[in-house]
């Protein structure tokens, strides 16, 4: 890939996590992570038949999801 082609590819922003790793970090099921990805609420990249989620996308999702109780 030439440097010009590389400039056109968006940066994912850090290391990638598997769906299982995301589920473990968020303490939800893998199905919940798949639902978030398919609903467009959690960014992911498809690699073959698998999804990889940028670590920054998980952090951003959690930041947006915080609810101030009280």
PDB file of N, CA and C in Angstrom:
ATOM      1  N   UNK A   1       0.850  -1.171   0.000  1.00  0.00           N
ATOM      2  CA  UNK A   1       0.000   0.000   0.000  1.00  0.00           C
ATOM      3  C   UNK A   1       0.891   1.228   0.000  1.00  0.00           C
ATOM      4  N   UNK A   2       0.619   2.131  -0.907  1.00  0.00           N
ATOM      5  CA  UNK A   2       1.426   3.350  -0.988  1.00  0.00           C
ATOM      6  C   UNK A   2       1.012   4.318   0.116  1.00  0.00           C
ATOM      7  N   UNK A   3       1.854   5.315   0.334  1.00  0.00           N
ATOM      8  CA  UNK A   3       1.547   6.284   1.388  1.00  0.00           C
ATOM      9  C   UNK A   3       0.284   7.067   1.049  1.00  0.00           C
ATOM     10  N   UNK A   4       0.005   7.285  -0.238  1.00  0.00           N
ATOM     11  CA  UNK A   4      -1.212   7.987  -0.637  1.00  0.00           C
ATOM     12  C   UNK A   4      -2.441   7.161  -0.287  1.00  0.00           C
ATOM     13  N   UNK A   5      -2.385   5.852  -0.550  1.00  0.00           N
ATOM     14  CA  UNK A   5      -3.504   4.970  -0.213  1.00  0.00           C
ATOM     15  C   UNK A   5      -3.686   4.898   1.304  1.00  0.00           C
ATOM     16  N   UNK A   6      -2.587   4.861   2.031  1.00  0.00           N
ATOM     17  CA  UNK A   6      -2.637   4.780   3.487  1.00  0.00           C
ATOM     18  C   UNK A   6      -3.298   6.018   4.074  1.00  0.00           C
ATOM     19  N   UNK A   7      -3.090   7.192   3.450  1.00  0.00           N
ATOM     20  CA  UNK A   7      -3.686   8.435   3.932  1.00  0.00           C
ATOM     21  C   UNK A   7      -5.208   8.427   3.798  1.00  0.00           C
ATOM     22  N   UNK A   8      -5.743   7.639   2.854  1.00  0.00           N
ATOM     23  CA  UNK A   8      -7.184   7.578   2.626  1.00  0.00           C
ATOM     24  C   UNK A   8      -7.889   6.634   3.596  1.00  0.00           C
ATOM     25  N   UNK A   9      -7.152   5.740   4.235  1.00  0.00           N
ATOM     26  CA  UNK A   9      -7.744   4.791   5.162  1.00  0.00           C
ATOM     27  C   UNK A   9      -7.923   5.470   6.509  1.00  0.00           C
ATOM     28  N   UNK A  10      -9.159   5.483   7.047  1.00  0.00           N
ATOM     29  CA  UNK A  10      -9.359   6.145   8.345  1.00  0.00           C
ATOM     30  C   UNK A  10      -8.647   5.403   9.460  1.00  0.00           C
ATOM     31  N   UNK A  11      -8.108   6.155  10.389  1.00  0.00           N
ATOM     32  CA  UNK A  11      -7.425   5.557  11.526  1.00  0.00           C
ATOM     33  C   UNK A  11      -8.449   5.040  12.513  1.00  0.00           C
ATOM     34  N   UNK A  12      -8.229   3.842  13.027  1.00  0.00           N
ATOM     35  CA  UNK A  12      -9.167   3.248  13.980  1.00  0.00           C
ATOM     36  C   UNK A  12      -8.914   3.754  15.385  1.00  0.00           C
ATOM     37  N   UNK A  13      -7.784   4.370  15.624  1.00  0.00           N
ATOM     38  CA  UNK A  13      -7.528   4.967  16.922  1.00  0.00           C
ATOM     39  C   UNK A  13      -7.069   4.010  17.992  1.00  0.00           C
ATOM     40  N   UNK A  14      -6.094   3.197  17.699  1.00  0.00           N
ATOM     41  CA  UNK A  14      -5.526   2.359  18.745  1.00  0.00           C
ATOM     42  C   UNK A  14      -5.741   0.872  18.528  1.00  0.00           C
ATOM     43  N   UNK A  15      -5.425   0.101  19.545  1.00  0.00           N
ATOM     44  CA  UNK A  15      -5.517  -1.353  19.413  1.00  0.00           C
ATOM     45  C   UNK A  15      -6.969  -1.819  19.290  1.00  0.00           C
ATOM     46  N   UNK A  16      -7.117  -2.985  18.706  1.00  0.00           N
ATOM     47  CA  UNK A  16      -8.435  -3.569  18.510  1.00  0.00           C
ATOM     48  C   UNK A  16      -8.724  -4.622  19.566  1.00  0.00           C
ATOM     49  N   UNK A  17     -10.000  -4.766  19.895  1.00  0.00           N
ATOM     50  CA  UNK A  17     -10.451  -5.772  20.838  1.00  0.00           C
ATOM     51  C   UNK A  17     -11.420  -6.718  20.134  1.00  0.00           C
ATOM     52  N   UNK A  18     -11.437  -7.964  20.563  1.00  0.00           N
ATOM     53  CA  UNK A  18     -12.430  -8.904  20.048  1.00  0.00           C
ATOM     54  C   UNK A  18     -13.762  -8.623  20.722  1.00  0.00           C
ATOM     55  N   UNK A  19     -14.820  -9.206  20.190  1.00  0.00           N
ATOM     56  CA  UNK A  19     -16.139  -9.051  20.790  1.00  0.00           C
ATOM     57  C   UNK A  19     -16.134  -9.614  22.215  1.00  0.00           C
ATOM     58  N   UNK A  20     -15.466 -10.733  22.421  1.00  0.00           N
ATOM     59  CA  UNK A  20     -15.386 -11.333  23.756  1.00  0.00           C
ATOM     60  C   UNK A  20     -14.660 -10.408  24.735  1.00  0.00           C
ATOM     61  N   UNK A  21     -13.592  -9.755  24.283  1.00  0.00           N
ATOM     62  CA  UNK A  21     -12.859  -8.828  25.152  1.00  0.00           C
ATOM     63  C   UNK A  21     -13.707  -7.610  25.505  1.00  0.00           C
ATOM     64  N   UNK A  22     -14.459  -7.105  24.526  1.00  0.00           N
ATOM     65  CA  UNK A  22     -15.347  -5.965  24.783  1.00  0.00           C
ATOM     66  C   UNK A  22     -16.424  -6.371  25.793  1.00  0.00           C
ATOM     67  N   UNK A  23     -17.009  -7.543  25.589  1.00  0.00           N
ATOM     68  CA  UNK A  23     -18.053  -8.026  26.494  1.00  0.00           C
ATOM     69  C   UNK A  23     -17.516  -8.160  27.916  1.00  0.00           C
ATOM     70  N   UNK A  24     -16.310  -8.671  28.061  1.00  0.00           N
ATOM     71  CA  UNK A  24     -15.714  -8.827  29.386  1.00  0.00           C
ATOM     72  C   UNK A  24     -15.467  -7.466  30.037  1.00  0.00           C
ATOM     73  N   UNK A  25     -14.985  -6.504  29.279  1.00  0.00           N
ATOM     74  CA  UNK A  25     -14.717  -5.164  29.832  1.00  0.00           C
ATOM     75  C   UNK A  25     -16.005  -4.468  30.254  1.00  0.00           C
ATOM     76  N   UNK A  26     -17.062  -4.664  29.463  1.00  0.00           N
ATOM     77  CA  UNK A  26     -18.330  -3.998  29.747  1.00  0.00           C
ATOM     78  C   UNK A  26     -19.217  -4.831  30.675  1.00  0.00           C
ATOM     79  N   UNK A  27     -18.809  -6.061  30.933  1.00  0.00           N
ATOM     80  CA  UNK A  27     -19.581  -6.998  31.765  1.00  0.00           C
ATOM     81  C   UNK A  27     -20.984  -7.205  31.227  1.00  0.00           C
ATOM     82  N   UNK A  28     -21.032  -7.470  29.911  1.00  0.00           N
ATOM     83  CA  UNK A  28     -22.274  -7.810  29.228  1.00  0.00           C
ATOM     84  C   UNK A  28     -22.008  -9.061  28.395  1.00  0.00           C
ATOM     85  N   UNK A  29     -23.042  -9.592  27.779  1.00  0.00           N
ATOM     86  CA  UNK A  29     -22.854 -10.778  26.940  1.00  0.00           C
ATOM     87  C   UNK A  29     -22.283 -10.380  25.580  1.00  0.00           C
ATOM     88  N   UNK A  30     -21.741 -11.360  24.880  1.00  0.00           N
ATOM     89  CA  UNK A  30     -21.239 -11.103  23.524  1.00  0.00           C
ATOM     90  C   UNK A  30     -22.395 -10.690  22.618  1.00  0.00           C
ATOM     91  N   UNK A  31     -23.580 -11.255  22.837  1.00  0.00           N
ATOM     92  CA  UNK A  31     -24.743 -10.899  22.019  1.00  0.00           C
ATOM     93  C   UNK A  31     -25.073  -9.418  22.172  1.00  0.00           C
ATOM     94  N   UNK A  32     -24.924  -8.877  23.368  1.00  0.00           N
ATOM     95  CA  UNK A  32     -25.161  -7.447  23.586  1.00  0.00           C
ATOM     96  C   UNK A  32     -24.182  -6.617  22.769  1.00  0.00           C
ATOM     97  N   UNK A  33     -22.928  -7.037  22.725  1.00  0.00           N
ATOM     98  CA  UNK A  33     -21.924  -6.312  21.932  1.00  0.00           C
ATOM     99  C   UNK A  33     -22.297  -6.381  20.453  1.00  0.00           C
ATOM    100  N   UNK A  34     -22.690  -7.568  19.967  1.00  0.00           N
ATOM    101  CA  UNK A  34     -23.111  -7.689  18.565  1.00  0.00           C
ATOM    102  C   UNK A  34     -24.302  -6.781  18.271  1.00  0.00           C
ATOM    103  N   UNK A  35     -25.247  -6.693  19.184  1.00  0.00           N
ATOM    104  CA  UNK A  35     -26.411  -5.818  18.982  1.00  0.00           C
ATOM    105  C   UNK A  35     -25.984  -4.352  18.882  1.00  0.00           C
ATOM    106  N   UNK A  36     -25.064  -3.947  19.756  1.00  0.00           N
ATOM    107  CA  UNK A  36     -24.572  -2.571  19.715  1.00  0.00           C
ATOM    108  C   UNK A  36     -23.869  -2.273  18.391  1.00  0.00           C
ATOM    109  N   UNK A  37     -23.083  -3.222  17.916  1.00  0.00           N
ATOM    110  CA  UNK A  37     -22.369  -3.049  16.643  1.00  0.00           C
ATOM    111  C   UNK A  37     -23.372  -2.943  15.494  1.00  0.00           C
ATOM    112  N   UNK A  38     -24.324  -3.868  15.447  1.00  0.00           N
ATOM    113  CA  UNK A  38     -25.286  -3.882  14.340  1.00  0.00           C
ATOM    114  C   UNK A  38     -26.225  -2.675  14.381  1.00  0.00           C
ATOM    115  N   UNK A  39     -26.468  -2.132  15.559  1.00  0.00           N
ATOM    116  CA  UNK A  39     -27.318  -0.950  15.688  1.00  0.00           C
ATOM    117  C   UNK A  39     -26.561   0.343  15.384  1.00  0.00           C
ATOM    118  N   UNK A  40     -25.241   0.239  15.210  1.00  0.00           N
ATOM    119  CA  UNK A  40     -24.440   1.420  14.911  1.00  0.00           C
ATOM    120  C   UNK A  40     -24.069   2.222  16.141  1.00  0.00           C
ATOM    121  N   UNK A  41     -24.306   1.681  17.326  1.00  0.00           N
ATOM    122  CA  UNK A  41     -23.982   2.392  18.553  1.00  0.00           C
ATOM    123  C   UNK A  41     -22.531   2.189  18.981  1.00  0.00           C
ATOM    124  N   UNK A  42     -21.894   1.160  18.443  1.00  0.00           N
ATOM    125  CA  UNK A  42     -20.502   0.851  18.769  1.00  0.00           C
ATOM    126  C   UNK A  42     -19.761   0.591  17.463  1.00  0.00           C
ATOM    127  N   UNK A  43     -18.747   1.393  17.187  1.00  0.00           N
ATOM    128  CA  UNK A  43     -17.975   1.240  15.952  1.00  0.00           C
ATOM    129  C   UNK A  43     -17.204  -0.072  15.962  1.00  0.00           C
ATOM    130  N   UNK A  44     -17.138  -0.709  14.815  1.00  0.00           N
ATOM    131  CA  UNK A  44     -16.388  -1.956  14.682  1.00  0.00           C
ATOM    132  C   UNK A  44     -15.940  -2.111  13.242  1.00  0.00           C
ATOM    133  N   UNK A  45     -14.941  -2.940  13.065  1.00  0.00           N
ATOM    134  CA  UNK A  45     -14.405  -3.243  11.745  1.00  0.00           C
ATOM    135  C   UNK A  45     -14.567  -4.732  11.522  1.00  0.00           C
ATOM    136  N   UNK A  46     -15.028  -5.097  10.360  1.00  0.00           N
ATOM    137  CA  UNK A  46     -15.204  -6.505  10.050  1.00  0.00           C
ATOM    138  C   UNK A  46     -13.916  -7.049   9.445  1.00  0.00           C
ATOM    139  N   UNK A  47     -13.427  -8.134  10.021  1.00  0.00           N
ATOM    140  CA  UNK A  47     -12.230  -8.816   9.534  1.00  0.00           C
ATOM    141  C   UNK A  47     -12.652 -10.248   9.235  1.00  0.00           C
ATOM    142  N   UNK A  48     -12.830 -10.535   7.961  1.00  0.00           N
ATOM    143  CA  UNK A  48     -13.360 -11.852   7.610  1.00  0.00           C
ATOM    144  C   UNK A  48     -14.774 -11.978   8.142  1.00  0.00           C
ATOM    145  N   UNK A  49     -14.997 -12.994   8.976  1.00  0.00           N
ATOM    146  CA  UNK A  49     -16.310 -13.184   9.577  1.00  0.00           C
ATOM    147  C   UNK A  49     -16.375 -12.658  11.007  1.00  0.00           C
ATOM    148  N   UNK A  50     -15.317 -12.027  11.462  1.00  0.00           N
ATOM    149  CA  UNK A  50     -15.232 -11.533  12.840  1.00  0.00           C
ATOM    150  C   UNK A  50     -15.287 -10.021  12.867  1.00  0.00           C
ATOM    151  N   UNK A  51     -15.612  -9.487  14.035  1.00  0.00           N
ATOM    152  CA  UNK A  51     -15.572  -8.052  14.256  1.00  0.00           C
ATOM    153  C   UNK A  51     -14.425  -7.729  15.189  1.00  0.00           C
ATOM    154  N   UNK A  52     -13.805  -6.589  14.957  1.00  0.00           N
ATOM    155  CA  UNK A  52     -12.807  -6.047  15.865  1.00  0.00           C
ATOM    156  C   UNK A  52     -13.264  -4.639  16.214  1.00  0.00           C
ATOM    157  N   UNK A  53     -13.181  -4.327  17.491  1.00  0.00           N
ATOM    158  CA  UNK A  53     -13.676  -3.043  17.985  1.00  0.00           C
ATOM    159  C   UNK A  53     -12.484  -2.226  18.470  1.00  0.00           C
ATOM    160  N   UNK A  54     -12.311  -1.018  17.945  1.00  0.00           N
ATOM    161  CA  UNK A  54     -11.221  -0.171  18.451  1.00  0.00           C
ATOM    162  C   UNK A  54     -11.428   0.129  19.927  1.00  0.00           C
ATOM    163  N   UNK A  55     -10.362   0.057  20.692  1.00  0.00           N
ATOM    164  CA  UNK A  55     -10.440   0.320  22.128  1.00  0.00           C
ATOM    165  C   UNK A  55     -11.031   1.701  22.398  1.00  0.00           C
ATOM    166  N   UNK A  56     -10.678   2.677  21.575  1.00  0.00           N
ATOM    167  CA  UNK A  56     -11.201   4.038  21.735  1.00  0.00           C
ATOM    168  C   UNK A  56     -12.714   4.080  21.554  1.00  0.00           C
ATOM    169  N   UNK A  57     -13.252   3.214  20.681  1.00  0.00           N
ATOM    170  CA  UNK A  57     -14.700   3.170  20.457  1.00  0.00           C
ATOM    171  C   UNK A  57     -15.417   2.685  21.706  1.00  0.00           C
ATOM    172  N   UNK A  58     -14.833   1.722  22.408  1.00  0.00           N
ATOM    173  CA  UNK A  58     -15.424   1.226  23.656  1.00  0.00           C
ATOM    174  C   UNK A  58     -15.404   2.331  24.706  1.00  0.00           C
ATOM    175  N   UNK A  59     -14.277   2.999  24.844  1.00  0.00           N
ATOM    176  CA  UNK A  59     -14.161   4.089  25.815  1.00  0.00           C
ATOM    177  C   UNK A  59     -15.177   5.194  25.521  1.00  0.00           C
ATOM    178  N   UNK A  60     -15.326   5.542  24.247  1.00  0.00           N
ATOM    179  CA  UNK A  60     -16.265   6.586  23.840  1.00  0.00           C
ATOM    180  C   UNK A  60     -17.708   6.158  24.114  1.00  0.00           C
ATOM    181  N   UNK A  61     -18.051   4.924  23.809  1.00  0.00           N
ATOM    182  CA  UNK A  61     -19.402   4.423  24.065  1.00  0.00           C
ATOM    183  C   UNK A  61     -19.719   4.504  25.561  1.00  0.00           C
ATOM    184  N   UNK A  62     -18.790   4.059  26.386  1.00  0.00           N
ATOM    185  CA  UNK A  62     -19.013   4.087  27.827  1.00  0.00           C
ATOM    186  C   UNK A  62     -19.127   5.518  28.344  1.00  0.00           C
ATOM    187  N   UNK A  63     -18.309   6.416  27.802  1.00  0.00           N
ATOM    188  CA  UNK A  63     -18.371   7.821  28.205  1.00  0.00           C
ATOM    189  C   UNK A  63     -19.746   8.408  27.875  1.00  0.00           C
ATOM    190  N   UNK A  64     -20.261   8.109  26.686  1.00  0.00           N
ATOM    191  CA  UNK A  64     -21.575   8.624  26.260  1.00  0.00           C
ATOM    192  C   UNK A  64     -22.702   8.004  27.080  1.00  0.00           C
ATOM    193  N   UNK A  65     -22.482   6.828  27.610  1.00  0.00           N
ATOM    194  CA  UNK A  65     -23.542   6.082  28.286  1.00  0.00           C
ATOM    195  C   UNK A  65     -23.687   6.386  29.763  1.00  0.00           C
ATOM    196  N   UNK A  66     -22.773   7.134  30.323  1.00  0.00           N
ATOM    197  CA  UNK A  66     -22.854   7.430  31.748  1.00  0.00           C
ATOM    198  C   UNK A  66     -24.123   8.210  32.040  1.00  0.00           C
ATOM    199  N   UNK A  67     -24.772   7.841  33.123  1.00  0.00           N
ATOM    200  CA  UNK A  67     -26.016   8.461  33.526  1.00  0.00           C
ATOM    201  C   UNK A  67     -25.834   9.013  34.932  1.00  0.00           C
ATOM    202  N   UNK A  68     -26.104  10.282  35.095  1.00  0.00           N
ATOM    203  CA  UNK A  68     -25.942  10.924  36.391  1.00  0.00           C
ATOM    204  C   UNK A  68     -27.195  10.685  37.222  1.00  0.00           C
ATOM    205  N   UNK A  69     -27.095   9.861  38.233  1.00  0.00           N
ATOM    206  CA  UNK A  69     -28.240   9.570  39.100  1.00  0.00           C
ATOM    207  C   UNK A  69     -28.323  10.588  40.236  1.00  0.00           C
ATOM    208  N   UNK A  70     -29.501  10.773  40.720  1.00  0.00           N
ATOM    209  CA  UNK A  70     -29.563  11.524  41.930  1.00  0.00           C
ATOM    210  C   UNK A  70     -30.332  12.747  41.943  1.00  0.00           C
TER     211      UNK A  70
END
